[in-house]
Amino acid sequence: MASTVPFMAMVMGFKMSVERFTEAGSERDPITASIPLFEALNWAVALDERLCKDWIPDGKDRQPGKDWPVRLASEADAEAVRGIRFIRNRVQHQWADALCLAKAESHYPPRELEWTWVSAVDLPKADPGHDRGREGYERLLAGRAAEYTLVFLVETYEFVTQLLEPLGPPKRWTVDEARPKS
């Protein structure tokens, strides 16, 4: 029987990359910020694809697929996830520089500058099929702190984890259980 990595382990990988991005957020160097952002967006695509395949809240005959975000608390949350998918596609497929350094509006702890998402008009043209979510990106993400968007996504995946996987520690296999049966 094949086993898969627990969804929570993938969420932890995403969360750690977001923490690295948060730490890099105090730097003015775009490379220092871009590397953990790219990593975080790679985790986001893996988690998003896994939810498209594995999350079946209404049974196998009614999988939400790419529309899984509609099962979140609000349409704005679902639109934000679609907006993140939009910018992730631009970064992953067109290697877009998705960040700009701006004066921090309400950052806590206070800092002078923060990395914000660029406007969609400042991004390279999308490959066919990769422009979905643009409206949500422009409305909810563009011009806002990327750090807060990524933290929102961490919270979203942690919420979904509680729906997908039972609470409690993961099963630990013993040596006896791992031995082949004779």
Protein backbone atom coordinates (compact mmCIF):
# COMPACT_ATOMS: atom_id res chain seq x y z
CA MET A 1 0.00 0.00 0.00
CA ALA A 2 1.40 3.38 -1.02
CA SER A 3 1.37 6.13 1.52
CA THR A 4 1.44 9.89 1.08
CA VAL A 5 2.98 12.66 3.09
CA PRO A 6 0.41 13.99 5.58
CA PHE A 7 -1.22 17.21 4.43
CA MET A 8 -0.15 18.82 7.72
CA ALA A 9 3.52 18.11 6.91
CA MET A 10 3.10 19.98 3.64
CA VAL A 11 1.40 22.84 5.48
CA MET A 12 4.34 22.93 7.90
CA GLY A 13 6.76 23.22 4.95
CA PHE A 14 4.70 26.09 3.56
CA LYS A 15 4.53 27.78 6.96
CA MET A 16 8.32 27.56 7.43
CA SER A 17 8.90 29.15 4.01
CA VAL A 18 6.46 31.95 4.91
CA GLU A 19 8.41 32.49 8.14
CA ARG A 20 11.62 32.81 6.10
CA PHE A 21 9.86 35.33 3.85
CA THR A 22 8.71 37.27 6.93
CA GLU A 23 12.30 37.38 8.20
CA ALA A 24 13.51 38.55 4.78
CA GLY A 25 10.80 41.22 4.79
CA SER A 26 12.92 43.47 6.95
CA GLU A 27 15.63 43.48 4.25
CA ARG A 28 15.69 45.86 1.28
CA ASP A 29 17.29 43.30 -1.02
CA PRO A 30 14.78 41.91 -3.55
CA ILE A 31 16.74 38.66 -3.96
CA THR A 32 16.58 38.02 -0.21
CA ALA A 33 12.78 38.39 -0.39
CA SER A 34 12.25 36.60 -3.72
CA ILE A 35 13.89 33.31 -2.77
CA PRO A 36 11.58 32.43 0.17
CA LEU A 37 8.60 33.88 -1.75
CA PHE A 38 9.30 31.51 -4.65
CA GLU A 39 9.60 28.61 -2.20
CA ALA A 40 6.35 29.57 -0.45
CA LEU A 41 4.53 29.78 -3.78
CA ASN A 42 5.88 26.33 -4.73
CA TRP A 43 4.41 24.94 -1.51
CA ALA A 44 1.17 26.79 -2.25
CA VAL A 45 0.85 25.15 -5.68
CA ALA A 46 1.50 21.71 -4.18
CA LEU A 47 -1.12 22.25 -1.46
CA ASP A 48 -3.61 23.71 -3.92
CA GLU A 49 -3.23 20.75 -6.30
CA ARG A 50 -3.54 18.30 -3.45
CA LEU A 51 -6.78 19.90 -2.30
CA CYS A 52 -8.11 19.81 -5.87
CA LYS A 53 -7.63 16.03 -5.85
CA ASP A 54 -8.09 14.97 -2.23
CA TRP A 55 -10.71 17.22 -0.67
CA ILE A 56 -14.12 15.65 -1.19
CA PRO A 57 -16.36 17.26 1.43
CA ASP A 58 -19.50 16.17 -0.44
CA GLY A 59 -18.32 12.73 -1.56
CA LYS A 60 -16.37 11.47 -4.57
CA ASP A 61 -19.19 12.20 -7.00
CA ARG A 62 -19.13 15.91 -6.15
CA GLN A 63 -15.46 16.89 -5.81
CA PRO A 64 -14.96 20.68 -5.77
CA GLY A 65 -11.64 20.41 -7.66
CA LYS A 66 -10.19 23.85 -8.45
CA ASP A 67 -13.27 25.38 -6.81
CA TRP A 68 -12.33 24.06 -3.35
CA PRO A 69 -11.90 27.65 -2.06
CA VAL A 70 -15.68 28.20 -2.29
CA ARG A 71 -15.96 25.97 0.77
CA LEU A 72 -14.11 28.56 2.88
CA ALA A 73 -15.74 30.95 5.34
CA SER A 74 -16.52 33.68 2.80
CA GLU A 75 -16.47 34.49 -0.89
CA ALA A 76 -13.74 37.07 -0.17
CA ASP A 77 -11.54 34.29 1.27
CA ALA A 78 -12.16 32.16 -1.82
CA GLU A 79 -11.41 35.14 -4.07
CA ALA A 80 -8.15 35.77 -2.18
CA VAL A 81 -7.09 32.14 -2.73
CA ARG A 82 -7.84 32.52 -6.44
CA GLY A 83 -5.82 35.78 -6.43
CA ILE A 84 -2.87 33.98 -4.85
CA ARG A 85 -3.20 31.28 -7.51
CA PHE A 86 -3.04 34.08 -10.14
CA ILE A 87 0.17 35.63 -8.79
CA ARG A 88 1.70 32.22 -8.15
CA ASN A 89 1.14 31.34 -11.82
CA ARG A 90 2.81 34.56 -12.94
CA VAL A 91 5.82 33.95 -10.71
CA GLN A 92 6.07 30.25 -11.64
CA HIS A 93 5.36 30.49 -15.39
CA GLN A 94 6.63 33.95 -16.40
CA TRP A 95 9.21 34.33 -13.62
CA ALA A 96 7.57 37.63 -12.74
CA ASP A 97 9.02 39.95 -10.15
CA ALA A 98 5.84 40.11 -8.10
CA LEU A 99 7.07 42.32 -5.26
CA CYS A 100 7.84 45.97 -4.76
CA LEU A 101 9.20 47.72 -1.70
CA ALA A 102 6.74 50.20 -0.21
CA LYS A 103 6.31 52.27 2.92
CA ALA A 104 4.84 50.06 5.62
CA GLU A 105 1.33 51.23 6.39
CA SER A 106 0.40 49.28 9.49
CA HIS A 107 3.03 46.64 9.98
CA TYR A 108 3.44 45.01 13.37
CA PRO A 109 6.03 45.01 14.72
CA PRO A 110 6.58 48.45 13.17
CA ARG A 111 9.01 48.69 10.30
CA GLU A 112 9.76 51.35 7.75
CA LEU A 113 9.25 49.30 4.58
CA GLU A 114 7.45 46.13 3.49
CA TRP A 115 7.22 43.99 0.39
CA THR A 116 3.89 44.44 -1.40
CA TRP A 117 2.36 42.71 -4.41
CA VAL A 118 2.73 44.67 -7.66
CA SER A 119 -0.22 45.72 -9.79
CA ALA A 120 -1.36 43.14 -12.36
CA VAL A 121 -0.61 45.61 -15.18
CA ASP A 122 3.06 45.51 -14.13
CA LEU A 123 3.27 41.73 -14.60
CA PRO A 124 4.29 39.92 -17.80
CA LYS A 125 1.49 38.65 -20.03
CA ALA A 126 0.09 35.31 -18.87
CA ASP A 127 0.36 32.02 -20.69
CA PRO A 128 -3.03 30.88 -22.02
CA GLY A 129 -5.24 29.70 -19.16
CA HIS A 130 -3.21 31.41 -16.43
CA ASP A 131 -5.09 34.72 -16.20
CA ARG A 132 -7.90 33.44 -13.98
CA GLY A 133 -8.09 35.14 -10.60
CA ARG A 134 -6.82 38.48 -11.87
CA GLU A 135 -9.83 40.42 -10.59
CA GLY A 136 -9.44 39.02 -7.07
CA TYR A 137 -5.72 39.68 -7.17
CA GLU A 138 -6.25 43.33 -8.16
CA ARG A 139 -9.03 43.86 -5.63
CA LEU A 140 -7.60 42.04 -2.61
CA LEU A 141 -3.83 41.63 -3.02
CA ALA A 142 -2.19 44.19 -5.34
CA GLY A 143 -0.54 46.96 -3.37
CA ARG A 144 -0.94 45.08 -0.08
CA ALA A 145 1.71 43.43 2.09
CA ALA A 146 2.66 40.04 0.65
CA GLU A 147 3.50 38.82 4.15
CA TYR A 148 -0.10 39.19 5.31
CA THR A 149 -1.43 37.40 2.23
CA LEU A 150 0.88 34.45 2.86
CA VAL A 151 -0.05 34.33 6.56
CA PHE A 152 -3.74 34.28 5.52
CA LEU A 153 -2.99 31.33 3.27
CA VAL A 154 -1.17 29.50 6.09
CA GLU A 155 -4.26 29.98 8.27
CA THR A 156 -6.49 28.75 5.44
CA TYR A 157 -4.46 25.57 4.95
CA GLU A 158 -4.34 24.96 8.71
CA PHE A 159 -8.14 25.25 8.81
CA VAL A 160 -8.53 22.79 5.93
CA THR A 161 -6.06 20.42 7.61
CA GLN A 162 -8.45 20.07 10.52
CA LEU A 163 -11.14 18.99 8.05
CA LEU A 164 -8.92 16.56 6.15
CA GLU A 165 -6.92 14.89 8.88
CA PRO A 166 -8.01 13.83 12.33
CA LEU A 167 -6.67 15.82 15.24
CA GLY A 168 -3.93 14.28 17.30
CA PRO A 169 -0.39 13.12 16.71
CA PRO A 170 0.42 11.20 13.53
CA LYS A 171 0.68 7.43 13.83
CA ARG A 172 4.17 6.24 14.58
CA TRP A 173 5.05 2.82 13.23
CA THR A 174 6.85 0.41 15.50
CA VAL A 175 9.68 -1.82 14.36
CA ASP A 176 7.43 -4.88 14.68
CA GLU A 177 4.75 -3.31 12.49
CA ALA A 178 7.30 -2.38 9.83
CA ARG A 179 8.69 -5.92 9.52
CA PRO A 180 7.33 -7.95 6.61
CA LYS A 181 4.84 -10.62 7.61
CA SER A 182 6.14 -14.14 7.04
